Amino acid sequence: MLHYWFVTSQNKSDKLVIFLLLKFKDSNTLKIFWFNGGPGCSSLTGLLDGMGPYLINKDGKSLRKNVYSWNKYASVVFIESPVGVGYSYSLNGQIKNSDDNVIIFS
């Protein structure tokens, strides 16, 4: 099951980061937080080109099941960071800075 949500920055309420969660059937399982690299690389690349439950076919229009999907073994959170990457965005077009790369998990 795929869930997604936008999270507003605590310090800059005009910046929204998207998180996508691929949920494993067992809620007590391992959790993986995935940043694709970069900065400036969308985590959707990892979701759609290797780790997710479906892969994009060569025609670019259709999907096929991924027998090696990571969510068979864990719940995976794909994080679009910094703001401006993928579907994450700024409401005022503000330039990205290093503060946008910091996320604290507690």
Protein backbone atom coordinates (compact mmCIF):
# COMPACT_ATOMS: atom_id res chain seq x y z
CA MET A 1 0.00 0.00 0.00
CA LEU A 2 1.40 3.42 -0.95
CA HIS A 3 0.68 6.47 1.22
CA TYR A 4 1.94 10.00 0.67
CA TRP A 5 1.77 13.31 2.45
CA PHE A 6 3.28 16.81 2.35
CA VAL A 7 5.02 18.08 5.48
CA THR A 8 5.47 21.81 6.08
CA SER A 9 8.88 23.00 7.26
CA GLN A 10 8.90 24.02 10.94
CA ASN A 11 10.94 27.17 10.27
CA LYS A 12 9.66 28.07 6.81
CA SER A 13 5.94 27.39 6.43
CA ASP A 14 6.07 28.09 2.69
CA LYS A 15 8.18 24.96 2.01
CA LEU A 16 6.62 21.53 1.70
CA VAL A 17 8.48 18.21 1.50
CA ILE A 18 6.76 15.07 0.25
CA PHE A 19 7.12 11.70 1.98
CA LEU A 20 5.95 8.49 0.32
CA LEU A 21 5.44 5.34 2.39
CA LEU A 22 5.33 1.85 0.92
CA LYS A 23 3.78 -0.16 3.72
CA PHE A 24 4.64 -3.77 4.44
CA LYS A 25 1.72 -5.96 5.55
CA ASP A 26 3.23 -6.43 9.04
CA SER A 27 3.27 -3.09 10.90
CA ASN A 28 5.97 -4.36 13.31
CA THR A 29 8.51 -4.85 10.56
CA LEU A 30 11.69 -3.02 9.69
CA LYS A 31 11.42 0.63 8.54
CA ILE A 32 13.72 2.04 5.85
CA PHE A 33 14.12 5.78 5.12
CA TRP A 34 15.34 6.33 1.55
CA PHE A 35 17.08 9.43 0.21
CA ASN A 36 18.09 8.82 -3.40
CA GLY A 37 21.31 10.85 -3.20
CA GLY A 38 22.46 14.07 -4.66
CA PRO A 39 21.39 16.59 -3.35
CA GLY A 40 18.89 17.25 -6.04
CA CYS A 41 17.97 13.66 -6.95
CA SER A 42 14.35 12.62 -6.57
CA SER A 43 13.70 9.60 -4.35
CA LEU A 44 10.99 8.64 -6.82
CA THR A 45 13.84 7.34 -8.99
CA GLY A 46 14.48 4.65 -6.37
CA LEU A 47 10.76 3.96 -6.07
CA LEU A 48 10.12 3.63 -9.81
CA ASP A 49 13.45 2.26 -11.03
CA GLY A 50 14.45 -0.49 -8.66
CA MET A 51 12.99 -0.75 -5.16
CA GLY A 52 9.25 -0.21 -5.54
CA PRO A 53 6.54 -2.80 -6.20
CA TYR A 54 6.35 -1.81 -9.88
CA LEU A 55 8.92 -0.90 -12.52
CA ILE A 56 8.41 1.30 -15.58
CA ASN A 57 8.61 -0.64 -18.84
CA LYS A 58 10.88 0.48 -21.68
CA ASP A 59 7.89 2.02 -23.49
CA GLY A 60 7.63 4.56 -20.62
CA LYS A 61 3.85 4.10 -20.52
CA SER A 62 3.23 0.86 -18.68
CA LEU A 63 4.32 -0.93 -15.51
CA ARG A 64 5.36 -4.44 -14.53
CA LYS A 65 5.59 -6.08 -11.09
CA ASN A 66 8.97 -5.95 -9.41
CA VAL A 67 9.69 -9.37 -7.90
CA TYR A 68 12.59 -7.82 -5.93
CA SER A 69 10.57 -5.00 -4.34
CA TRP A 70 11.95 -3.89 -0.98
CA ASN A 71 8.49 -3.54 0.56
CA LYS A 72 8.22 -7.33 0.59
CA TYR A 73 10.53 -7.22 3.60
CA ALA A 74 10.15 -3.74 5.13
CA SER A 75 8.13 -0.52 5.08
CA VAL A 76 10.02 2.03 2.97
CA VAL A 77 9.71 5.81 3.31
CA PHE A 78 10.89 7.71 0.20
CA ILE A 79 11.78 11.31 1.10
CA GLU A 80 11.87 14.05 -1.55
CA SER A 81 14.58 16.38 -0.29
CA PRO A 82 15.64 19.18 -0.53
CA VAL A 83 12.62 21.34 -1.30
CA GLY A 84 12.40 21.75 -5.07
CA VAL A 85 13.22 18.11 -5.84
CA GLY A 86 10.49 15.90 -7.28
CA TYR A 87 7.09 16.90 -5.91
CA SER A 88 8.50 18.88 -2.96
CA TYR A 89 8.08 22.60 -3.49
CA SER A 90 8.24 26.12 -2.11
CA LEU A 91 5.16 28.34 -2.24
CA ASN A 92 7.23 31.47 -2.89
CA GLY A 93 9.94 30.07 -5.20
CA GLN A 94 12.61 30.70 -2.58
CA ILE A 95 16.10 29.36 -3.38
CA LYS A 96 17.05 26.14 -1.59
CA ASN A 97 19.71 26.15 1.12
CA SER A 98 21.40 23.61 3.37
CA ASP A 99 18.70 24.00 6.06
CA ASP A 100 16.30 22.22 3.71
CA ASN A 101 18.48 19.08 3.81
CA VAL A 102 18.18 18.56 7.57
CA ILE A 103 15.54 16.21 8.92
CA ILE A 104 15.59 15.00 12.50
CA PHE A 105 13.87 11.73 13.36
CA SER A 106 12.88 11.18 16.95
